[in-house]
Amino acid sequence: MTEAVSAASVPVPAARPGFGIGPDGTYTRFGQVAAFVLGLLTTFVFLPLVVVAAKLYLRSEDVFAEDPARARKLANWSWVSITVPGLPALVAVVVGLALLLAKQLG
């Protein structure tokens, strides 16, 4: 026996998954590393945004099966919430290390 499934109940895959997200809605290896590093930096800079990023990504996993386009938006916003404070922190660490190295050398 076969059962007919309406086209409306089958989700259409997103044309492009969000940054660091594979076609099945999970993190790619690069996405895992980037999320860890940026999340760690954001934790030190602004802890509440890490919580926001985690909630947005978890919600995108829940929504992925029904609405991949919305899941992509949620995943992208989770990246924004850890990247905005994380990148300046990364720049500050690099500049600090460069200054420390310059002081040691000269």
N, C-alpha and C. Protein backbone atom coordinates (compact mmCIF):
# COMPACT_ATOMS: atom_id res chain seq x y z
N MET A 1 0.82 -1.18 0.00
CA MET A 1 0.00 0.00 0.00
C MET A 1 0.87 1.25 0.00
N THR A 2 0.55 2.17 -0.83
CA THR A 2 1.28 3.43 -0.82
C THR A 2 0.36 4.54 -0.39
N GLU A 3 0.95 5.54 0.15
CA GLU A 3 0.18 6.66 0.65
C GLU A 3 0.59 7.91 -0.10
N ALA A 4 -0.36 8.67 -0.52
CA ALA A 4 -0.05 9.91 -1.24
C ALA A 4 0.34 10.98 -0.23
N VAL A 5 1.38 11.71 -0.56
CA VAL A 5 1.84 12.81 0.29
C VAL A 5 1.68 14.09 -0.50
N SER A 6 1.01 15.05 0.11
CA SER A 6 0.81 16.31 -0.61
C SER A 6 2.14 17.06 -0.71
N ALA A 7 2.27 17.80 -1.79
CA ALA A 7 3.50 18.56 -2.02
C ALA A 7 3.69 19.64 -0.96
N ALA A 8 2.60 20.10 -0.36
CA ALA A 8 2.70 21.15 0.65
C ALA A 8 3.38 20.65 1.92
N SER A 9 3.31 19.34 2.22
CA SER A 9 3.90 18.83 3.46
C SER A 9 5.37 18.48 3.31
N VAL A 10 5.90 18.48 2.11
CA VAL A 10 7.31 18.14 1.89
C VAL A 10 8.09 19.45 1.81
N PRO A 11 9.05 19.66 2.76
CA PRO A 11 9.79 20.91 2.72
C PRO A 11 10.73 20.98 1.52
N VAL A 12 10.83 22.16 0.98
CA VAL A 12 11.76 22.40 -0.13
C VAL A 12 13.09 22.81 0.48
N PRO A 13 14.18 22.15 0.09
CA PRO A 13 15.46 22.53 0.68
C PRO A 13 15.83 23.98 0.34
N ALA A 14 16.50 24.63 1.27
CA ALA A 14 16.93 26.00 1.04
C ALA A 14 17.94 26.02 -0.09
N ALA A 15 17.88 27.06 -0.91
CA ALA A 15 18.81 27.17 -2.02
C ALA A 15 20.25 27.21 -1.51
N ARG A 16 20.48 27.95 -0.47
CA ARG A 16 21.79 28.04 0.18
C ARG A 16 21.58 27.96 1.67
N PRO A 17 22.14 26.98 2.33
CA PRO A 17 22.02 26.98 3.79
C PRO A 17 22.80 28.15 4.38
N GLY A 18 22.55 28.46 5.63
CA GLY A 18 23.26 29.56 6.27
C GLY A 18 24.75 29.28 6.37
N PHE A 19 25.52 30.31 6.69
CA PHE A 19 26.97 30.18 6.80
C PHE A 19 27.33 29.09 7.80
N GLY A 20 28.18 28.17 7.38
CA GLY A 20 28.63 27.09 8.26
C GLY A 20 27.62 25.98 8.46
N ILE A 21 26.53 26.01 7.71
CA ILE A 21 25.46 25.02 7.85
C ILE A 21 25.44 24.15 6.61
N GLY A 22 25.41 22.83 6.79
CA GLY A 22 25.36 21.91 5.67
C GLY A 22 23.96 21.78 5.11
N PRO A 23 23.80 21.06 4.00
CA PRO A 23 22.49 20.92 3.36
C PRO A 23 21.47 20.21 4.24
N ASP A 24 21.93 19.44 5.23
CA ASP A 24 21.00 18.75 6.11
C ASP A 24 20.62 19.56 7.35
N GLY A 25 21.15 20.80 7.44
CA GLY A 25 20.79 21.68 8.56
C GLY A 25 21.72 21.58 9.75
N THR A 26 22.81 20.82 9.65
CA THR A 26 23.76 20.71 10.76
C THR A 26 25.03 21.50 10.43
N TYR A 27 25.81 21.76 11.46
CA TYR A 27 27.07 22.48 11.26
C TYR A 27 28.04 21.67 10.40
N THR A 28 28.77 22.38 9.54
CA THR A 28 29.90 21.76 8.84
C THR A 28 31.08 21.77 9.80
N ARG A 29 32.17 21.09 9.44
CA ARG A 29 33.36 21.08 10.31
C ARG A 29 33.88 22.51 10.51
N PHE A 30 33.99 23.27 9.41
CA PHE A 30 34.43 24.66 9.51
C PHE A 30 33.47 25.46 10.37
N GLY A 31 32.18 25.24 10.21
CA GLY A 31 31.18 25.95 11.01
C GLY A 31 31.33 25.67 12.49
N GLN A 32 31.65 24.42 12.84
CA GLN A 32 31.86 24.06 14.24
C GLN A 32 33.04 24.81 14.83
N VAL A 33 34.15 24.83 14.09
CA VAL A 33 35.36 25.51 14.57
C VAL A 33 35.12 27.01 14.69
N ALA A 34 34.53 27.61 13.66
CA ALA A 34 34.28 29.05 13.68
C ALA A 34 33.31 29.41 14.81
N ALA A 35 32.27 28.64 15.00
CA ALA A 35 31.31 28.91 16.07
C ALA A 35 31.97 28.80 17.44
N PHE A 36 32.84 27.82 17.61
CA PHE A 36 33.53 27.64 18.89
C PHE A 36 34.43 28.84 19.19
N VAL A 37 35.27 29.21 18.22
CA VAL A 37 36.23 30.30 18.43
C VAL A 37 35.50 31.62 18.66
N LEU A 38 34.55 31.94 17.77
CA LEU A 38 33.82 33.21 17.92
C LEU A 38 32.95 33.21 19.18
N GLY A 39 32.36 32.07 19.50
CA GLY A 39 31.55 31.97 20.71
C GLY A 39 32.39 32.16 21.97
N LEU A 40 33.60 31.59 21.96
CA LEU A 40 34.49 31.74 23.11
C LEU A 40 34.90 33.20 23.28
N LEU A 41 35.27 33.85 22.18
CA LEU A 41 35.63 35.27 22.25
C LEU A 41 34.44 36.12 22.71
N THR A 42 33.26 35.82 22.20
CA THR A 42 32.07 36.58 22.58
C THR A 42 31.74 36.36 24.06
N THR A 43 32.01 35.16 24.56
CA THR A 43 31.76 34.88 25.97
C THR A 43 32.55 35.83 26.85
N PHE A 44 33.78 36.10 26.47
CA PHE A 44 34.61 37.01 27.26
C PHE A 44 34.21 38.47 27.07
N VAL A 45 33.69 38.81 25.90
CA VAL A 45 33.35 40.20 25.60
C VAL A 45 31.94 40.53 26.08
N PHE A 46 30.97 39.69 25.73
CA PHE A 46 29.58 40.01 26.03
C PHE A 46 28.77 38.71 26.15
N LEU A 47 28.69 38.17 27.34
CA LEU A 47 28.06 36.88 27.60
C LEU A 47 26.62 36.75 27.12
N PRO A 48 25.74 37.74 27.32
CA PRO A 48 24.34 37.54 26.90
C PRO A 48 24.18 37.24 25.41
N LEU A 49 25.08 37.73 24.55
CA LEU A 49 24.94 37.44 23.13
C LEU A 49 25.23 35.98 22.80
N VAL A 50 26.02 35.32 23.61
CA VAL A 50 26.27 33.89 23.40
C VAL A 50 24.97 33.12 23.64
N VAL A 51 24.24 33.52 24.67
CA VAL A 51 22.95 32.87 24.96
C VAL A 51 21.97 33.12 23.82
N VAL A 52 21.93 34.35 23.32
CA VAL A 52 21.04 34.68 22.19
C VAL A 52 21.41 33.83 20.98
N ALA A 53 22.70 33.73 20.68
CA ALA A 53 23.15 32.95 19.53
C ALA A 53 22.74 31.48 19.66
N ALA A 54 22.91 30.93 20.85
CA ALA A 54 22.55 29.52 21.07
C ALA A 54 21.05 29.31 20.89
N LYS A 55 20.25 30.22 21.43
CA LYS A 55 18.79 30.09 21.30
C LYS A 55 18.35 30.22 19.84
N LEU A 56 18.96 31.16 19.11
CA LEU A 56 18.61 31.32 17.70
C LEU A 56 18.96 30.07 16.90
N TYR A 57 20.15 29.51 17.14
CA TYR A 57 20.54 28.33 16.39
C TYR A 57 19.66 27.13 16.74
N LEU A 58 19.36 26.95 18.02
CA LEU A 58 18.49 25.83 18.42
C LEU A 58 17.11 25.98 17.77
N ARG A 59 16.61 27.19 17.72
CA ARG A 59 15.31 27.43 17.08
C ARG A 59 15.38 27.13 15.58
N SER A 60 16.52 27.47 14.96
CA SER A 60 16.66 27.19 13.52
C SER A 60 16.66 25.69 13.25
N GLU A 61 17.24 24.90 14.17
CA GLU A 61 17.20 23.44 14.00
C GLU A 61 15.76 22.92 14.07
N ASP A 62 14.97 23.49 14.98
CA ASP A 62 13.57 23.07 15.12
C ASP A 62 12.75 23.43 13.89
N VAL A 63 13.03 24.58 13.29
CA VAL A 63 12.24 25.11 12.17
C VAL A 63 12.69 24.53 10.83
N PHE A 64 13.90 23.97 10.76
CA PHE A 64 14.50 23.57 9.49
C PHE A 64 13.61 22.66 8.65
N ALA A 65 12.96 21.68 9.26
CA ALA A 65 12.14 20.74 8.49
C ALA A 65 10.92 21.40 7.85
N GLU A 66 10.33 22.38 8.55
CA GLU A 66 9.12 23.01 8.02
C GLU A 66 9.40 24.22 7.12
N ASP A 67 10.43 24.99 7.47
CA ASP A 67 10.68 26.24 6.75
C ASP A 67 12.18 26.51 6.66
N PRO A 68 12.86 25.90 5.68
CA PRO A 68 14.32 26.07 5.57
C PRO A 68 14.76 27.51 5.39
N ALA A 69 13.97 28.33 4.71
CA ALA A 69 14.35 29.73 4.51
C ALA A 69 14.37 30.48 5.84
N ARG A 70 13.38 30.24 6.68
CA ARG A 70 13.35 30.89 8.00
C ARG A 70 14.48 30.35 8.87
N ALA A 71 14.75 29.06 8.77
CA ALA A 71 15.85 28.47 9.54
C ALA A 71 17.17 29.11 9.15
N ARG A 72 17.33 29.39 7.85
CA ARG A 72 18.56 30.04 7.37
C ARG A 72 18.70 31.43 7.98
N LYS A 73 17.59 32.17 8.03
CA LYS A 73 17.64 33.51 8.63
C LYS A 73 18.01 33.44 10.11
N LEU A 74 17.41 32.49 10.82
CA LEU A 74 17.73 32.34 12.24
C LEU A 74 19.20 31.97 12.45
N ALA A 75 19.71 31.06 11.61
CA ALA A 75 21.11 30.66 11.71
C ALA A 75 22.03 31.84 11.41
N ASN A 76 21.68 32.63 10.41
CA ASN A 76 22.49 33.81 10.08
C ASN A 76 22.49 34.82 11.23
N TRP A 77 21.35 35.03 11.86
CA TRP A 77 21.31 35.95 13.00
C TRP A 77 22.12 35.41 14.17
N SER A 78 22.15 34.09 14.33
CA SER A 78 22.99 33.54 15.41
C SER A 78 24.46 33.83 15.13
N TRP A 79 24.86 33.74 13.84
CA TRP A 79 26.24 34.08 13.47
C TRP A 79 26.52 35.56 13.73
N VAL A 80 25.58 36.41 13.39
CA VAL A 80 25.77 37.85 13.61
C VAL A 80 25.96 38.14 15.10
N SER A 81 25.18 37.48 15.95
CA SER A 81 25.26 37.78 17.38
C SER A 81 26.56 37.32 18.03
N ILE A 82 27.27 36.36 17.42
CA ILE A 82 28.58 36.01 17.99
C ILE A 82 29.73 36.66 17.22
N THR A 83 29.46 37.12 16.01
CA THR A 83 30.53 37.71 15.21
C THR A 83 30.74 39.18 15.55
N VAL A 84 29.67 39.91 15.77
CA VAL A 84 29.77 41.35 16.02
C VAL A 84 30.72 41.65 17.18
N PRO A 85 30.56 41.03 18.36
CA PRO A 85 31.55 41.31 19.41
C PRO A 85 32.79 40.42 19.30
N GLY A 86 32.69 39.28 18.64
CA GLY A 86 33.81 38.35 18.57
C GLY A 86 34.95 38.83 17.70
N LEU A 87 34.65 39.44 16.56
CA LEU A 87 35.71 39.91 15.66
C LEU A 87 36.52 41.05 16.27
N PRO A 88 35.89 42.05 16.88
CA PRO A 88 36.72 43.07 17.55
C PRO A 88 37.58 42.48 18.67
N ALA A 89 37.06 41.48 19.36
CA ALA A 89 37.86 40.82 20.41
C ALA A 89 39.05 40.11 19.79
N LEU A 90 38.83 39.45 18.65
CA LEU A 90 39.92 38.78 17.96
C LEU A 90 40.98 39.78 17.51
N VAL A 91 40.55 40.91 16.96
CA VAL A 91 41.48 41.96 16.55
C VAL A 91 42.25 42.48 17.76
N ALA A 92 41.56 42.68 18.88
CA ALA A 92 42.23 43.16 20.10
C ALA A 92 43.28 42.16 20.59
N VAL A 93 42.97 40.87 20.52
CA VAL A 93 43.93 39.85 20.94
C VAL A 93 45.15 39.87 20.03
N VAL A 94 44.93 39.94 18.72
CA VAL A 94 46.05 39.97 17.77
C VAL A 94 46.90 41.21 17.98
N VAL A 95 46.27 42.37 18.13
CA VAL A 95 47.02 43.62 18.35
C VAL A 95 47.78 43.54 19.67
N GLY A 96 47.14 43.03 20.70
CA GLY A 96 47.80 42.89 22.00
C GLY A 96 49.01 41.98 21.92
N LEU A 97 48.86 40.86 21.23
CA LEU A 97 50.00 39.95 21.07
C LEU A 97 51.11 40.58 20.25
N ALA A 98 50.75 41.34 19.20
CA ALA A 98 51.75 42.03 18.39
C ALA A 98 52.51 43.06 19.22
N LEU A 99 51.79 43.82 20.03
CA LEU A 99 52.44 44.81 20.89
C LEU A 99 53.35 44.14 21.92
N LEU A 100 52.89 43.05 22.47
CA LEU A 100 53.70 42.31 23.45
C LEU A 100 54.97 41.76 22.79
N LEU A 101 54.82 41.23 21.60
CA LEU A 101 55.96 40.71 20.85
C LEU A 101 56.93 41.83 20.48
N ALA A 102 56.40 42.98 20.08
CA ALA A 102 57.25 44.13 19.72
C ALA A 102 58.02 44.62 20.93
N LYS A 103 57.36 44.61 22.09
CA LYS A 103 58.02 45.05 23.33
C LYS A 103 59.15 44.08 23.71
N GLN A 104 58.91 42.78 23.51
CA GLN A 104 59.91 41.78 23.83
C GLN A 104 61.11 41.85 22.91
N LEU A 105 60.85 42.15 21.63
CA LEU A 105 61.92 42.19 20.65
C LEU A 105 62.68 43.52 20.62
N GLY A 106 62.04 44.54 21.07
CA GLY A 106 62.74 45.77 20.83
C GLY A 106 62.69 46.78 21.85
